[in-house]
N, C-alpha and C. Protein backbone atom coordinates (compact mmCIF):
# COMPACT_ATOMS: atom_id res chain seq x y z
N UNK A 1 93.08 4.32 -21.33
CA UNK A 1 92.53 4.92 -22.53
C UNK A 1 91.01 4.74 -22.55
N UNK A 2 90.36 5.73 -23.04
CA UNK A 2 88.91 5.67 -23.14
C UNK A 2 88.51 4.95 -24.43
N UNK A 3 87.44 4.20 -24.31
CA UNK A 3 86.92 3.51 -25.49
C UNK A 3 86.08 4.48 -26.33
N UNK A 4 85.74 4.08 -27.50
CA UNK A 4 84.89 4.90 -28.38
C UNK A 4 83.55 5.15 -27.70
N UNK A 5 83.04 4.13 -27.05
CA UNK A 5 81.75 4.25 -26.37
C UNK A 5 81.81 5.25 -25.21
N UNK A 6 82.91 5.22 -24.44
CA UNK A 6 83.08 6.15 -23.34
C UNK A 6 83.22 7.58 -23.84
N UNK A 7 83.94 7.75 -24.95
CA UNK A 7 84.10 9.09 -25.52
C UNK A 7 82.77 9.65 -26.00
N UNK A 8 81.97 8.80 -26.61
CA UNK A 8 80.66 9.23 -27.09
C UNK A 8 79.76 9.63 -25.91
N UNK A 9 79.79 8.85 -24.84
CA UNK A 9 78.99 9.16 -23.65
C UNK A 9 79.45 10.48 -23.03
N UNK A 10 80.75 10.71 -22.99
CA UNK A 10 81.28 11.96 -22.44
C UNK A 10 80.83 13.15 -23.27
N UNK A 11 80.85 13.00 -24.59
CA UNK A 11 80.40 14.09 -25.47
C UNK A 11 78.93 14.41 -25.25
N UNK A 12 78.10 13.36 -25.08
CA UNK A 12 76.68 13.57 -24.82
C UNK A 12 76.48 14.29 -23.48
N UNK A 13 77.23 13.88 -22.46
CA UNK A 13 77.11 14.51 -21.14
C UNK A 13 77.50 15.98 -21.18
N UNK A 14 78.57 16.28 -21.90
CA UNK A 14 79.02 17.67 -22.02
C UNK A 14 77.98 18.50 -22.76
N UNK A 15 77.44 17.96 -23.83
CA UNK A 15 76.42 18.68 -24.58
C UNK A 15 75.18 18.95 -23.72
N UNK A 16 74.77 17.97 -22.94
CA UNK A 16 73.60 18.14 -22.08
C UNK A 16 73.88 19.18 -21.00
N UNK A 17 75.06 19.13 -20.40
CA UNK A 17 75.43 20.10 -19.37
C UNK A 17 75.45 21.51 -19.93
N UNK A 18 75.97 21.67 -21.13
CA UNK A 18 76.01 22.99 -21.75
C UNK A 18 74.61 23.52 -22.05
N UNK A 19 73.73 22.64 -22.51
CA UNK A 19 72.37 23.10 -22.81
C UNK A 19 71.62 23.49 -21.53
N UNK A 20 71.82 22.75 -20.46
CA UNK A 20 71.18 23.09 -19.18
C UNK A 20 71.74 24.40 -18.66
N UNK A 21 73.05 24.56 -18.72
CA UNK A 21 73.67 25.79 -18.26
C UNK A 21 73.17 26.99 -19.06
N UNK A 22 73.03 26.82 -20.37
CA UNK A 22 72.53 27.88 -21.23
C UNK A 22 71.08 28.22 -20.88
N UNK A 23 70.28 27.19 -20.64
CA UNK A 23 68.88 27.43 -20.28
C UNK A 23 68.77 28.16 -18.96
N UNK A 24 69.60 27.81 -17.98
CA UNK A 24 69.59 28.52 -16.69
C UNK A 24 70.00 29.97 -16.89
N UNK A 25 70.99 30.21 -17.75
CA UNK A 25 71.45 31.57 -18.01
C UNK A 25 70.34 32.42 -18.64
N UNK A 26 69.45 31.78 -19.38
CA UNK A 26 68.34 32.49 -20.02
C UNK A 26 67.12 32.61 -19.11
N UNK A 27 67.24 32.14 -17.86
CA UNK A 27 66.18 32.33 -16.90
C UNK A 27 65.29 31.14 -16.63
N UNK A 28 65.52 30.02 -17.31
CA UNK A 28 64.69 28.84 -17.02
C UNK A 28 65.04 28.28 -15.65
N UNK A 29 64.05 27.83 -14.96
CA UNK A 29 64.26 27.25 -13.64
C UNK A 29 64.44 25.74 -13.78
N UNK A 30 65.67 25.31 -13.77
CA UNK A 30 65.98 23.88 -13.87
C UNK A 30 66.65 23.48 -12.56
N UNK A 31 65.99 22.62 -11.76
CA UNK A 31 66.57 22.24 -10.47
C UNK A 31 67.83 21.40 -10.65
N UNK A 32 68.74 21.59 -9.70
CA UNK A 32 69.96 20.79 -9.72
C UNK A 32 69.64 19.42 -9.16
N UNK A 33 70.29 18.41 -9.69
CA UNK A 33 70.06 17.05 -9.21
C UNK A 33 70.80 16.79 -7.91
N UNK A 34 71.95 17.38 -7.77
CA UNK A 34 72.78 17.15 -6.59
C UNK A 34 72.35 18.07 -5.46
N UNK A 35 72.22 17.52 -4.26
CA UNK A 35 71.86 18.33 -3.11
C UNK A 35 73.09 18.68 -2.28
N UNK A 36 74.24 18.16 -2.64
CA UNK A 36 75.45 18.39 -1.88
C UNK A 36 76.02 19.77 -2.11
N UNK A 37 77.07 20.06 -1.36
CA UNK A 37 77.75 21.33 -1.49
C UNK A 37 78.74 21.27 -2.64
N UNK A 38 78.83 22.35 -3.37
CA UNK A 38 79.87 22.42 -4.38
C UNK A 38 81.18 22.76 -3.67
N UNK A 39 82.27 22.58 -4.36
CA UNK A 39 83.57 22.91 -3.78
C UNK A 39 83.63 24.39 -3.46
N UNK A 40 83.10 25.21 -4.33
CA UNK A 40 83.10 26.66 -4.10
C UNK A 40 82.29 27.01 -2.85
N UNK A 41 81.13 26.37 -2.69
CA UNK A 41 80.31 26.63 -1.51
C UNK A 41 81.04 26.20 -0.24
N UNK A 42 81.68 25.04 -0.30
CA UNK A 42 82.41 24.55 0.86
C UNK A 42 83.59 25.45 1.20
N UNK A 43 84.26 25.97 0.19
CA UNK A 43 85.40 26.86 0.42
C UNK A 43 84.97 28.19 1.04
N UNK A 44 83.73 28.64 0.76
CA UNK A 44 83.24 29.89 1.32
C UNK A 44 82.70 29.74 2.73
N UNK A 45 82.50 28.51 3.19
CA UNK A 45 81.93 28.30 4.52
C UNK A 45 82.92 28.70 5.60
N UNK A 46 82.43 29.32 6.68
CA UNK A 46 83.33 29.65 7.79
C UNK A 46 83.76 28.37 8.52
N UNK A 47 84.88 28.45 9.21
CA UNK A 47 85.42 27.26 9.89
C UNK A 47 84.47 26.72 10.95
N UNK A 48 83.63 27.57 11.53
CA UNK A 48 82.70 27.12 12.57
C UNK A 48 81.67 26.14 12.04
N UNK A 49 81.52 26.06 10.73
CA UNK A 49 80.53 25.18 10.11
C UNK A 49 81.06 23.77 9.87
N UNK A 50 82.24 23.46 10.40
CA UNK A 50 82.85 22.14 10.24
C UNK A 50 83.04 21.49 11.60
N UNK A 51 82.90 20.17 11.65
CA UNK A 51 83.16 19.45 12.88
C UNK A 51 84.65 19.53 13.23
N UNK A 52 85.50 19.43 12.22
CA UNK A 52 86.94 19.55 12.39
C UNK A 52 87.39 20.82 11.66
N UNK A 53 87.30 21.98 12.31
CA UNK A 53 87.54 23.24 11.60
C UNK A 53 88.97 23.43 11.09
N UNK A 54 89.96 22.93 11.83
CA UNK A 54 91.35 23.11 11.40
C UNK A 54 91.62 22.40 10.07
N UNK A 55 91.01 21.24 9.90
CA UNK A 55 91.19 20.46 8.67
C UNK A 55 90.06 20.73 7.66
N UNK A 56 89.04 21.49 8.08
CA UNK A 56 87.86 21.76 7.25
C UNK A 56 87.23 20.44 6.78
N UNK A 57 87.04 19.54 7.76
CA UNK A 57 86.44 18.24 7.47
C UNK A 57 85.07 18.15 8.12
N UNK A 58 84.16 17.47 7.46
CA UNK A 58 82.82 17.17 7.95
C UNK A 58 81.99 18.45 8.20
N UNK A 59 81.43 19.02 7.13
CA UNK A 59 80.55 20.18 7.32
C UNK A 59 79.31 19.80 8.13
N UNK A 60 78.87 20.72 8.97
CA UNK A 60 77.69 20.47 9.82
C UNK A 60 76.73 21.66 9.72
N UNK A 61 76.45 22.09 8.49
CA UNK A 61 75.65 23.28 8.28
C UNK A 61 74.15 23.01 8.13
N UNK A 62 73.73 21.76 8.09
CA UNK A 62 72.30 21.43 8.07
C UNK A 62 72.12 20.01 8.60
N UNK A 63 70.87 19.59 8.75
CA UNK A 63 70.58 18.29 9.37
C UNK A 63 71.18 17.13 8.58
N UNK A 64 71.11 17.21 7.26
CA UNK A 64 71.65 16.13 6.43
C UNK A 64 73.16 15.99 6.62
N UNK A 65 73.86 17.12 6.68
CA UNK A 65 75.30 17.07 6.88
C UNK A 65 75.67 16.61 8.29
N UNK A 66 74.84 16.95 9.28
CA UNK A 66 75.09 16.48 10.65
C UNK A 66 75.00 14.95 10.70
N UNK A 67 73.94 14.41 10.08
CA UNK A 67 73.80 12.94 10.06
C UNK A 67 74.98 12.30 9.33
N UNK A 68 75.42 12.91 8.25
CA UNK A 68 76.55 12.38 7.49
C UNK A 68 77.84 12.47 8.31
N UNK A 69 78.02 13.55 9.06
CA UNK A 69 79.22 13.70 9.89
C UNK A 69 79.27 12.62 10.97
N UNK A 70 78.12 12.28 11.52
CA UNK A 70 78.08 11.20 12.52
C UNK A 70 78.42 9.87 11.87
N UNK A 71 77.83 9.62 10.72
CA UNK A 71 78.05 8.35 10.03
C UNK A 71 79.51 8.17 9.61
N UNK A 72 80.17 9.25 9.27
CA UNK A 72 81.54 9.16 8.77
C UNK A 72 82.60 9.56 9.80
N UNK A 73 82.18 9.76 11.02
CA UNK A 73 83.09 10.24 12.06
C UNK A 73 84.30 9.34 12.23
N UNK A 74 84.08 8.04 12.15
CA UNK A 74 85.18 7.09 12.35
C UNK A 74 86.13 7.02 11.15
N UNK A 75 85.78 7.66 10.05
CA UNK A 75 86.62 7.61 8.86
C UNK A 75 87.61 8.77 8.79
N UNK A 76 87.47 9.75 9.67
CA UNK A 76 88.36 10.91 9.66
C UNK A 76 89.72 10.48 10.19
N UNK A 77 90.74 10.76 9.41
CA UNK A 77 92.10 10.37 9.78
C UNK A 77 92.94 11.59 10.09
N UNK A 78 93.99 11.37 10.85
CA UNK A 78 94.96 12.43 11.13
C UNK A 78 94.51 13.44 12.16
N UNK A 79 93.64 13.02 13.10
CA UNK A 79 93.21 13.92 14.17
C UNK A 79 93.42 13.24 15.51
N UNK A 80 93.66 14.02 16.54
CA UNK A 80 93.91 13.48 17.88
C UNK A 80 92.57 13.23 18.59
N UNK A 81 92.66 12.55 19.73
CA UNK A 81 91.47 12.31 20.53
C UNK A 81 90.88 13.62 21.04
N UNK A 82 91.73 14.58 21.37
CA UNK A 82 91.24 15.88 21.84
C UNK A 82 90.46 16.58 20.73
N UNK A 83 90.95 16.50 19.51
CA UNK A 83 90.23 17.10 18.38
C UNK A 83 88.91 16.38 18.15
N UNK A 84 88.90 15.06 18.32
CA UNK A 84 87.65 14.30 18.19
C UNK A 84 86.64 14.72 19.26
N UNK A 85 87.13 14.94 20.49
CA UNK A 85 86.24 15.40 21.56
C UNK A 85 85.59 16.74 21.20
N UNK A 86 86.39 17.67 20.72
CA UNK A 86 85.86 18.99 20.34
C UNK A 86 84.89 18.86 19.16
N UNK A 87 85.24 18.02 18.18
CA UNK A 87 84.37 17.82 17.02
C UNK A 87 83.04 17.20 17.45
N UNK A 88 83.09 16.25 18.37
CA UNK A 88 81.86 15.60 18.82
C UNK A 88 80.94 16.61 19.50
N UNK A 89 81.54 17.52 20.31
CA UNK A 89 80.73 18.56 20.95
C UNK A 89 80.07 19.46 19.90
N UNK A 90 80.81 19.79 18.84
CA UNK A 90 80.24 20.61 17.77
C UNK A 90 79.11 19.87 17.06
N UNK A 91 79.31 18.58 16.82
CA UNK A 91 78.27 17.79 16.15
C UNK A 91 77.02 17.70 17.03
N UNK A 92 77.20 17.47 18.33
CA UNK A 92 76.05 17.40 19.22
C UNK A 92 75.28 18.73 19.26
N UNK A 93 76.01 19.84 19.28
CA UNK A 93 75.35 21.15 19.28
C UNK A 93 74.59 21.36 17.98
N UNK A 94 75.20 21.00 16.86
CA UNK A 94 74.52 21.14 15.57
C UNK A 94 73.30 20.22 15.49
N UNK A 95 73.41 19.02 16.06
CA UNK A 95 72.29 18.08 16.06
C UNK A 95 71.11 18.66 16.84
N UNK A 96 71.39 19.28 17.98
CA UNK A 96 70.32 19.91 18.75
C UNK A 96 69.70 21.08 17.95
N UNK A 97 70.56 21.86 17.30
CA UNK A 97 70.10 23.02 16.53
C UNK A 97 69.17 22.61 15.37
N UNK A 98 69.50 21.47 14.72
CA UNK A 98 68.72 21.04 13.56
C UNK A 98 67.73 19.92 13.86
N UNK A 99 67.60 19.54 15.14
CA UNK A 99 66.63 18.52 15.53
C UNK A 99 66.98 17.11 15.11
N UNK A 100 68.28 16.78 15.10
CA UNK A 100 68.74 15.44 14.73
C UNK A 100 68.93 14.64 16.01
N UNK A 101 68.32 13.46 16.09
CA UNK A 101 68.49 12.59 17.26
C UNK A 101 69.81 11.85 17.17
N UNK A 102 70.58 11.91 18.26
CA UNK A 102 71.86 11.22 18.33
C UNK A 102 71.75 10.20 19.44
N UNK A 103 71.88 8.92 19.11
CA UNK A 103 71.73 7.88 20.12
C UNK A 103 73.02 7.65 20.90
N UNK A 104 74.17 7.97 20.32
CA UNK A 104 75.44 7.78 21.00
C UNK A 104 75.69 8.93 21.98
N UNK A 105 76.29 8.61 23.12
CA UNK A 105 76.61 9.65 24.09
C UNK A 105 78.05 10.11 23.95
N UNK A 106 78.86 9.33 23.25
CA UNK A 106 80.26 9.68 23.04
C UNK A 106 80.71 9.20 21.67
N UNK A 107 81.69 9.87 21.10
CA UNK A 107 82.21 9.45 19.80
C UNK A 107 82.87 8.09 19.88
N UNK A 108 83.30 7.69 21.07
CA UNK A 108 83.96 6.39 21.23
C UNK A 108 83.01 5.23 20.95
N UNK A 109 81.71 5.46 21.13
CA UNK A 109 80.72 4.43 20.83
C UNK A 109 80.67 4.11 19.34
N UNK A 110 81.05 5.05 18.51
CA UNK A 110 81.05 4.82 17.07
C UNK A 110 82.12 3.83 16.65
N UNK A 111 83.14 3.68 17.48
CA UNK A 111 84.25 2.78 17.17
C UNK A 111 84.05 1.38 17.75
N UNK A 112 83.01 1.19 18.53
CA UNK A 112 82.78 -0.10 19.17
C UNK A 112 81.90 -1.00 18.32
N UNK A 113 82.23 -2.28 18.30
CA UNK A 113 81.33 -3.26 17.72
C UNK A 113 81.41 -3.49 16.23
N UNK A 114 81.46 -2.48 15.44
CA UNK A 114 81.40 -2.64 14.00
C UNK A 114 82.77 -2.82 13.37
N UNK A 115 82.83 -2.51 12.09
CA UNK A 115 84.08 -2.62 11.36
C UNK A 115 85.03 -1.48 11.69
N UNK A 116 84.47 -0.37 12.14
CA UNK A 116 85.30 0.80 12.42
C UNK A 116 86.21 0.54 13.61
N UNK A 117 87.45 0.89 13.44
CA UNK A 117 88.42 0.77 14.52
C UNK A 117 89.11 2.11 14.70
N UNK A 118 89.47 2.41 15.91
CA UNK A 118 90.19 3.65 16.17
C UNK A 118 91.55 3.55 15.50
N UNK A 119 91.90 4.55 14.73
CA UNK A 119 93.18 4.52 14.01
C UNK A 119 94.23 5.27 14.76
């Protein structure tokens, strides 16, 4: 159950969101705070824009997403080693396209040494 304080904060957030949305509708230029993809944007992306296209996991459509895909590569579950090999090749190609330096030569290096373990 939400407390009175949480309900009040939620009402303030909704009111602020509505006023910003209304201002944007009237032509004011109000930048979005979030730089990430919305669900709608992600759903419209072609499968080639993902490291794991069959599962639509790890978008690689810009440099920031490529770096994020590398950082989270070991967290992807339910994929085979062959799928990881193909995804790694896609990530490397995207990294070259967007000028991202990749120090690892293989995705297997991401599983060595740290907390990440191959699942």
